Amino acid sequence: LDLVHWALDLTHPLSVEAKGPPVDPFSTPEWLQVDFRYPARKGRPPVHVTWHGGRKPDQLATLKGADGNPLNWGSGQLFIGSKGMLISDYSRHLLLPMDQFRDFQRPAEFIPNSIGHHAEWIHAIKNG
């Protein structure tokens, strides 16, 4: 959830609600949905953020690439706004629907690409 917190300048949620299958004392759930509600901040309206973990087939619409095949990113974050969507992971970013953003000019990069979740974690352990 780091990216959404940085992008939307979020701090502490007003409420958090989790939904999922019954608790299994021996393994993690196959899927989980967590809804966070944040207050208005610095002239911005309140925000409702939904986090999905695992896969629940009927939970999200299948997102398709330019070739018509489903996007298979494995993980990432999907921002859904009133004018479209942004899907992003550590090094890829895609605006959807693709035909609506065909002429979009990407700004110059100013944040270096991530070395990956695990590599960042190891780097933080070794270097503080």
N, C-alpha and C. Protein backbone atom coordinates (compact mmCIF):
# COMPACT_ATOMS: atom_id res chain seq x y z
N LEU A 1 0.81 -1.21 0.00
CA LEU A 1 0.00 0.00 0.00
C LEU A 1 0.85 1.27 0.00
N ASP A 2 2.16 1.13 -0.06
CA ASP A 2 3.02 2.32 -0.04
C ASP A 2 2.67 3.29 -1.15
N LEU A 3 2.55 2.77 -2.37
CA LEU A 3 2.33 3.64 -3.52
C LEU A 3 1.08 4.49 -3.36
N VAL A 4 -0.02 3.89 -2.95
CA VAL A 4 -1.26 4.65 -2.81
C VAL A 4 -1.14 5.68 -1.68
N HIS A 5 -0.41 5.34 -0.62
CA HIS A 5 -0.21 6.31 0.47
C HIS A 5 0.62 7.49 0.01
N TRP A 6 1.68 7.23 -0.73
CA TRP A 6 2.53 8.32 -1.22
C TRP A 6 1.77 9.17 -2.24
N ALA A 7 1.10 8.51 -3.19
CA ALA A 7 0.43 9.23 -4.27
C ALA A 7 -0.72 10.10 -3.78
N LEU A 8 -1.44 9.64 -2.77
CA LEU A 8 -2.63 10.36 -2.30
C LEU A 8 -2.42 11.08 -0.98
N ASP A 9 -1.18 11.09 -0.49
CA ASP A 9 -0.83 11.78 0.75
C ASP A 9 -1.71 11.31 1.92
N LEU A 10 -1.79 9.99 2.09
CA LEU A 10 -2.62 9.41 3.14
C LEU A 10 -1.82 9.18 4.41
N THR A 11 -2.51 9.21 5.54
CA THR A 11 -1.86 8.92 6.82
C THR A 11 -2.61 7.76 7.47
N HIS A 12 -3.40 8.03 8.49
CA HIS A 12 -4.09 6.97 9.22
C HIS A 12 -5.55 6.88 8.78
N PRO A 13 -6.05 5.66 8.52
CA PRO A 13 -7.45 5.53 8.12
C PRO A 13 -8.39 5.78 9.29
N LEU A 14 -9.59 6.22 8.95
CA LEU A 14 -10.65 6.37 9.95
C LEU A 14 -11.24 5.02 10.31
N SER A 15 -11.30 4.13 9.30
CA SER A 15 -11.83 2.79 9.55
C SER A 15 -11.19 1.79 8.60
N VAL A 16 -11.18 0.53 9.03
CA VAL A 16 -10.65 -0.58 8.23
C VAL A 16 -11.60 -1.75 8.40
N GLU A 17 -12.01 -2.35 7.28
CA GLU A 17 -12.91 -3.50 7.32
C GLU A 17 -12.35 -4.59 6.42
N ALA A 18 -12.20 -5.81 6.95
CA ALA A 18 -11.67 -6.94 6.17
C ALA A 18 -12.78 -7.95 5.91
N LYS A 19 -12.76 -8.52 4.69
CA LYS A 19 -13.70 -9.57 4.31
C LYS A 19 -12.88 -10.71 3.71
N GLY A 20 -13.30 -11.92 4.00
CA GLY A 20 -12.61 -13.08 3.44
C GLY A 20 -13.28 -14.36 3.88
N PRO A 21 -12.70 -15.48 3.48
CA PRO A 21 -13.25 -16.77 3.88
C PRO A 21 -13.04 -17.00 5.37
N PRO A 22 -13.66 -18.02 5.93
CA PRO A 22 -13.46 -18.30 7.35
C PRO A 22 -11.97 -18.48 7.68
N VAL A 23 -11.60 -18.11 8.89
CA VAL A 23 -10.21 -18.19 9.32
C VAL A 23 -9.77 -19.66 9.36
N ASP A 24 -8.58 -19.91 8.80
CA ASP A 24 -7.97 -21.24 8.84
C ASP A 24 -6.76 -21.13 9.75
N PRO A 25 -6.69 -21.91 10.83
CA PRO A 25 -5.57 -21.76 11.77
C PRO A 25 -4.23 -22.23 11.21
N PHE A 26 -4.24 -22.85 10.01
CA PHE A 26 -3.00 -23.42 9.48
C PHE A 26 -2.49 -22.75 8.21
N SER A 27 -3.27 -21.89 7.58
CA SER A 27 -2.79 -21.26 6.34
C SER A 27 -3.44 -19.89 6.14
N THR A 28 -2.86 -19.15 5.23
CA THR A 28 -3.39 -17.83 4.90
C THR A 28 -4.63 -17.99 4.02
N PRO A 29 -5.49 -16.99 3.96
CA PRO A 29 -6.71 -17.13 3.16
C PRO A 29 -6.40 -17.13 1.66
N GLU A 30 -7.27 -17.79 0.89
CA GLU A 30 -7.13 -17.80 -0.57
C GLU A 30 -7.35 -16.40 -1.13
N TRP A 31 -8.17 -15.62 -0.49
CA TRP A 31 -8.42 -14.25 -0.92
C TRP A 31 -8.79 -13.41 0.30
N LEU A 32 -8.62 -12.12 0.13
CA LEU A 32 -8.96 -11.18 1.20
C LEU A 32 -9.25 -9.83 0.57
N GLN A 33 -10.23 -9.13 1.09
CA GLN A 33 -10.51 -7.76 0.67
C GLN A 33 -10.51 -6.89 1.91
N VAL A 34 -9.75 -5.81 1.86
CA VAL A 34 -9.69 -4.88 2.99
C VAL A 34 -10.05 -3.49 2.48
N ASP A 35 -11.03 -2.87 3.12
CA ASP A 35 -11.47 -1.52 2.76
C ASP A 35 -10.97 -0.53 3.81
N PHE A 36 -10.27 0.49 3.34
CA PHE A 36 -9.74 1.55 4.19
C PHE A 36 -10.48 2.84 3.85
N ARG A 37 -10.91 3.57 4.84
CA ARG A 37 -11.55 4.88 4.62
C ARG A 37 -10.70 5.94 5.30
N TYR A 38 -10.30 6.93 4.48
CA TYR A 38 -9.42 8.00 4.95
C TYR A 38 -10.16 9.32 4.97
N PRO A 39 -9.80 10.21 5.90
CA PRO A 39 -10.45 11.51 5.98
C PRO A 39 -9.97 12.45 4.88
N ALA A 40 -10.68 13.55 4.73
CA ALA A 40 -10.21 14.62 3.84
C ALA A 40 -8.87 15.11 4.38
N ARG A 41 -7.99 15.57 3.48
CA ARG A 41 -6.68 16.06 3.91
C ARG A 41 -6.19 17.12 2.95
N LYS A 42 -5.68 18.21 3.51
CA LYS A 42 -5.06 19.31 2.75
C LYS A 42 -5.86 19.69 1.50
N GLY A 43 -7.14 19.92 1.67
CA GLY A 43 -7.97 20.35 0.55
C GLY A 43 -8.39 19.23 -0.39
N ARG A 44 -8.08 18.00 -0.05
CA ARG A 44 -8.48 16.85 -0.87
C ARG A 44 -9.64 16.14 -0.20
N PRO A 45 -10.52 15.52 -1.00
CA PRO A 45 -11.70 14.87 -0.42
C PRO A 45 -11.35 13.56 0.29
N PRO A 46 -12.29 13.01 1.06
CA PRO A 46 -12.07 11.70 1.68
C PRO A 46 -11.81 10.65 0.60
N VAL A 47 -11.13 9.58 0.97
CA VAL A 47 -10.77 8.52 0.01
C VAL A 47 -11.14 7.16 0.58
N HIS A 48 -11.67 6.32 -0.31
CA HIS A 48 -11.95 4.92 0.02
C HIS A 48 -10.97 4.08 -0.80
N VAL A 49 -10.11 3.31 -0.14
CA VAL A 49 -9.12 2.45 -0.80
C VAL A 49 -9.50 1.01 -0.51
N THR A 50 -9.54 0.18 -1.56
CA THR A 50 -9.80 -1.24 -1.39
C THR A 50 -8.57 -2.02 -1.80
N TRP A 51 -8.11 -2.89 -0.92
CA TRP A 51 -6.96 -3.76 -1.18
C TRP A 51 -7.47 -5.18 -1.37
N HIS A 52 -7.02 -5.84 -2.43
CA HIS A 52 -7.39 -7.22 -2.70
C HIS A 52 -6.14 -8.08 -2.60
N GLY A 53 -6.20 -9.16 -1.86
CA GLY A 53 -5.11 -10.12 -1.78
C GLY A 53 -5.61 -11.47 -2.24
N GLY A 54 -4.79 -12.18 -3.00
CA GLY A 54 -5.21 -13.46 -3.54
C GLY A 54 -6.14 -13.25 -4.71
N ARG A 55 -6.86 -14.29 -5.05
CA ARG A 55 -7.74 -14.19 -6.21
C ARG A 55 -9.13 -14.72 -5.89
N LYS A 56 -10.09 -13.87 -6.08
CA LYS A 56 -11.49 -14.25 -5.98
C LYS A 56 -12.08 -13.93 -7.35
N PRO A 57 -12.41 -14.94 -8.17
CA PRO A 57 -12.74 -14.72 -9.58
C PRO A 57 -13.77 -13.64 -9.86
N ASP A 58 -14.81 -13.53 -9.06
CA ASP A 58 -15.86 -12.56 -9.36
C ASP A 58 -15.59 -11.17 -8.78
N GLN A 59 -14.41 -10.96 -8.20
CA GLN A 59 -14.16 -9.72 -7.48
C GLN A 59 -13.80 -8.55 -8.40
N LEU A 60 -12.94 -8.79 -9.38
CA LEU A 60 -12.50 -7.72 -10.27
C LEU A 60 -12.75 -8.12 -11.71
N ALA A 61 -13.08 -7.14 -12.54
CA ALA A 61 -13.25 -7.40 -13.97
C ALA A 61 -11.90 -7.79 -14.56
N THR A 62 -11.92 -8.62 -15.59
CA THR A 62 -10.69 -9.00 -16.27
C THR A 62 -10.20 -7.80 -17.07
N LEU A 63 -8.98 -7.39 -16.84
CA LEU A 63 -8.38 -6.28 -17.56
C LEU A 63 -7.62 -6.83 -18.75
N LYS A 64 -7.78 -6.20 -19.92
CA LYS A 64 -7.17 -6.72 -21.14
C LYS A 64 -6.19 -5.72 -21.73
N GLY A 65 -5.14 -6.25 -22.35
CA GLY A 65 -4.14 -5.44 -23.01
C GLY A 65 -4.57 -5.09 -24.42
N ALA A 66 -3.68 -4.42 -25.16
CA ALA A 66 -3.97 -3.98 -26.52
C ALA A 66 -4.27 -5.16 -27.44
N ASP A 67 -3.69 -6.32 -27.16
CA ASP A 67 -3.91 -7.51 -27.99
C ASP A 67 -5.21 -8.24 -27.65
N GLY A 68 -5.95 -7.74 -26.67
CA GLY A 68 -7.21 -8.36 -26.28
C GLY A 68 -7.06 -9.48 -25.27
N ASN A 69 -5.83 -9.85 -24.96
CA ASN A 69 -5.59 -10.90 -23.97
C ASN A 69 -5.59 -10.31 -22.57
N PRO A 70 -6.00 -11.11 -21.58
CA PRO A 70 -6.00 -10.62 -20.20
C PRO A 70 -4.60 -10.21 -19.75
N LEU A 71 -4.52 -9.13 -18.98
CA LEU A 71 -3.24 -8.73 -18.40
C LEU A 71 -2.89 -9.74 -17.33
N ASN A 72 -1.67 -10.20 -17.33
CA ASN A 72 -1.25 -11.20 -16.35
C ASN A 72 -0.03 -10.67 -15.63
N TRP A 73 -0.23 -9.72 -14.74
CA TRP A 73 0.88 -9.08 -14.03
C TRP A 73 1.26 -9.84 -12.78
N GLY A 74 0.37 -10.63 -12.25
CA GLY A 74 0.67 -11.37 -11.03
C GLY A 74 0.46 -10.55 -9.78
N SER A 75 0.93 -9.31 -9.80
CA SER A 75 0.72 -8.43 -8.65
C SER A 75 0.82 -7.00 -9.14
N GLY A 76 0.48 -6.09 -8.28
CA GLY A 76 0.54 -4.68 -8.63
C GLY A 76 -0.58 -3.93 -7.93
N GLN A 77 -0.75 -2.69 -8.33
CA GLN A 77 -1.81 -1.87 -7.76
C GLN A 77 -2.64 -1.30 -8.89
N LEU A 78 -3.94 -1.30 -8.70
CA LEU A 78 -4.87 -0.78 -9.68
C LEU A 78 -5.57 0.42 -9.08
N PHE A 79 -5.38 1.58 -9.70
CA PHE A 79 -6.06 2.81 -9.28
C PHE A 79 -7.24 3.00 -10.22
N ILE A 80 -8.45 3.12 -9.68
CA ILE A 80 -9.64 3.33 -10.49
C ILE A 80 -10.16 4.72 -10.21
N GLY A 81 -10.19 5.54 -11.26
CA GLY A 81 -10.64 6.92 -11.12
C GLY A 81 -11.85 7.18 -12.00
N SER A 82 -12.32 8.40 -12.00
CA SER A 82 -13.51 8.75 -12.77
C SER A 82 -13.22 8.82 -14.27
N LYS A 83 -11.95 8.95 -14.67
CA LYS A 83 -11.62 9.08 -16.09
C LYS A 83 -10.88 7.87 -16.65
N GLY A 84 -10.56 6.90 -15.81
CA GLY A 84 -9.85 5.72 -16.28
C GLY A 84 -9.15 5.01 -15.14
N MET A 85 -8.21 4.15 -15.50
CA MET A 85 -7.50 3.35 -14.51
C MET A 85 -6.00 3.40 -14.77
N LEU A 86 -5.23 3.19 -13.71
CA LEU A 86 -3.78 3.06 -13.79
C LEU A 86 -3.41 1.79 -13.06
N ILE A 87 -2.73 0.88 -13.77
CA ILE A 87 -2.21 -0.31 -13.12
C ILE A 87 -0.69 -0.16 -13.09
N SER A 88 -0.10 -0.51 -11.95
CA SER A 88 1.32 -0.27 -11.76
C SER A 88 1.91 -1.36 -10.87
N ASP A 89 3.17 -1.71 -11.16
CA ASP A 89 3.92 -2.56 -10.24
C ASP A 89 5.28 -1.90 -10.04
N TYR A 90 6.30 -2.65 -9.73
CA TYR A 90 7.58 -2.03 -9.41
C TYR A 90 8.22 -1.30 -10.59
N SER A 91 7.97 -1.71 -11.82
CA SER A 91 8.63 -1.05 -12.95
C SER A 91 7.73 -0.81 -14.14
N ARG A 92 6.49 -1.27 -14.09
CA ARG A 92 5.57 -1.08 -15.22
C ARG A 92 4.39 -0.21 -14.79
N HIS A 93 3.89 0.55 -15.78
CA HIS A 93 2.74 1.42 -15.53
C HIS A 93 1.90 1.40 -16.80
N LEU A 94 0.60 1.27 -16.66
CA LEU A 94 -0.27 1.20 -17.82
C LEU A 94 -1.57 1.92 -17.53
N LEU A 95 -1.96 2.83 -18.44
CA LEU A 95 -3.23 3.54 -18.33
C LEU A 95 -4.29 2.77 -19.10
N LEU A 96 -5.47 2.63 -18.52
CA LEU A 96 -6.56 1.89 -19.13
C LEU A 96 -7.83 2.72 -19.10
N PRO A 97 -8.74 2.57 -20.06
CA PRO A 97 -8.63 1.71 -21.22
C PRO A 97 -7.57 2.25 -22.19
N MET A 98 -6.84 1.32 -22.80
CA MET A 98 -5.69 1.70 -23.61
C MET A 98 -6.06 2.63 -24.76
N ASP A 99 -7.21 2.39 -25.43
CA ASP A 99 -7.58 3.24 -26.55
C ASP A 99 -7.84 4.68 -26.13
N GLN A 100 -8.27 4.89 -24.91
CA GLN A 100 -8.53 6.24 -24.40
C GLN A 100 -7.24 7.02 -24.15
N PHE A 101 -6.15 6.32 -23.85
CA PHE A 101 -4.89 6.97 -23.50
C PHE A 101 -3.80 6.74 -24.55
N ARG A 102 -4.21 6.39 -25.76
CA ARG A 102 -3.27 6.10 -26.84
C ARG A 102 -2.28 7.24 -27.09
N ASP A 103 -2.73 8.48 -27.01
CA ASP A 103 -1.88 9.64 -27.29
C ASP A 103 -1.21 10.22 -26.05
N PHE A 104 -1.35 9.58 -24.92
CA PHE A 104 -0.75 10.08 -23.69
C PHE A 104 0.77 10.08 -23.80
N GLN A 105 1.37 11.20 -23.44
CA GLN A 105 2.83 11.32 -23.44
C GLN A 105 3.33 11.14 -22.01
N ARG A 106 4.10 10.09 -21.79
CA ARG A 106 4.64 9.81 -20.46
C ARG A 106 5.63 10.90 -20.08
N PRO A 107 5.56 11.42 -18.85
CA PRO A 107 6.55 12.43 -18.42
C PRO A 107 7.93 11.79 -18.25
N ALA A 108 8.94 12.62 -18.23
CA ALA A 108 10.30 12.13 -18.02
C ALA A 108 10.38 11.46 -16.66
N GLU A 109 11.13 10.36 -16.59
CA GLU A 109 11.28 9.65 -15.31
C GLU A 109 12.07 10.50 -14.33
N PHE A 110 11.61 10.52 -13.08
CA PHE A 110 12.35 11.25 -12.05
C PHE A 110 12.53 10.42 -10.79
N ILE A 111 11.93 9.24 -10.74
CA ILE A 111 12.12 8.30 -9.64
C ILE A 111 12.76 7.05 -10.24
N PRO A 112 13.90 6.62 -9.72
CA PRO A 112 14.54 5.43 -10.29
C PRO A 112 13.66 4.19 -10.12
N ASN A 113 13.77 3.25 -11.06
CA ASN A 113 13.02 2.00 -10.96
C ASN A 113 13.43 1.24 -9.71
N SER A 114 12.49 0.52 -9.16
CA SER A 114 12.75 -0.31 -7.98
C SER A 114 13.66 -1.48 -8.34
N ILE A 115 14.46 -1.90 -7.40
CA ILE A 115 15.27 -3.10 -7.60
C ILE A 115 14.48 -4.35 -7.24
N GLY A 116 13.23 -4.17 -6.84
CA GLY A 116 12.36 -5.29 -6.49
C GLY A 116 12.10 -5.34 -4.99
N HIS A 117 10.95 -5.87 -4.66
CA HIS A 117 10.51 -5.90 -3.26
C HIS A 117 11.51 -6.59 -2.35
N HIS A 118 11.92 -7.80 -2.71
CA HIS A 118 12.83 -8.55 -1.85
C HIS A 118 14.21 -7.90 -1.78
N ALA A 119 14.70 -7.43 -2.93
CA ALA A 119 16.02 -6.77 -2.94
C ALA A 119 15.99 -5.49 -2.11
N GLU A 120 14.89 -4.73 -2.17
CA GLU A 120 14.77 -3.53 -1.33
C GLU A 120 14.77 -3.90 0.14
N TRP A 121 14.08 -4.97 0.49
CA TRP A 121 14.00 -5.42 1.88
C TRP A 121 15.39 -5.81 2.38
N ILE A 122 16.13 -6.58 1.59
CA ILE A 122 17.49 -6.99 1.99
C ILE A 122 18.39 -5.77 2.10
N HIS A 123 18.28 -4.84 1.14
CA HIS A 123 19.08 -3.61 1.19
C HIS A 123 18.79 -2.83 2.47
N ALA A 124 17.51 -2.73 2.84
CA ALA A 124 17.14 -2.00 4.06
C ALA A 124 17.72 -2.67 5.30
N ILE A 125 17.73 -3.99 5.32
CA ILE A 125 18.29 -4.72 6.47
C ILE A 125 19.79 -4.45 6.58
N LYS A 126 20.48 -4.51 5.45
CA LYS A 126 21.93 -4.36 5.46
C LYS A 126 22.38 -2.92 5.67
N ASN A 127 21.59 -1.97 5.16
CA ASN A 127 22.04 -0.58 5.15
C ASN A 127 21.22 0.37 6.02
N GLY A 128 20.15 -0.12 6.59
CA GLY A 128 19.33 0.73 7.45
C GLY A 128 18.37 1.59 6.71
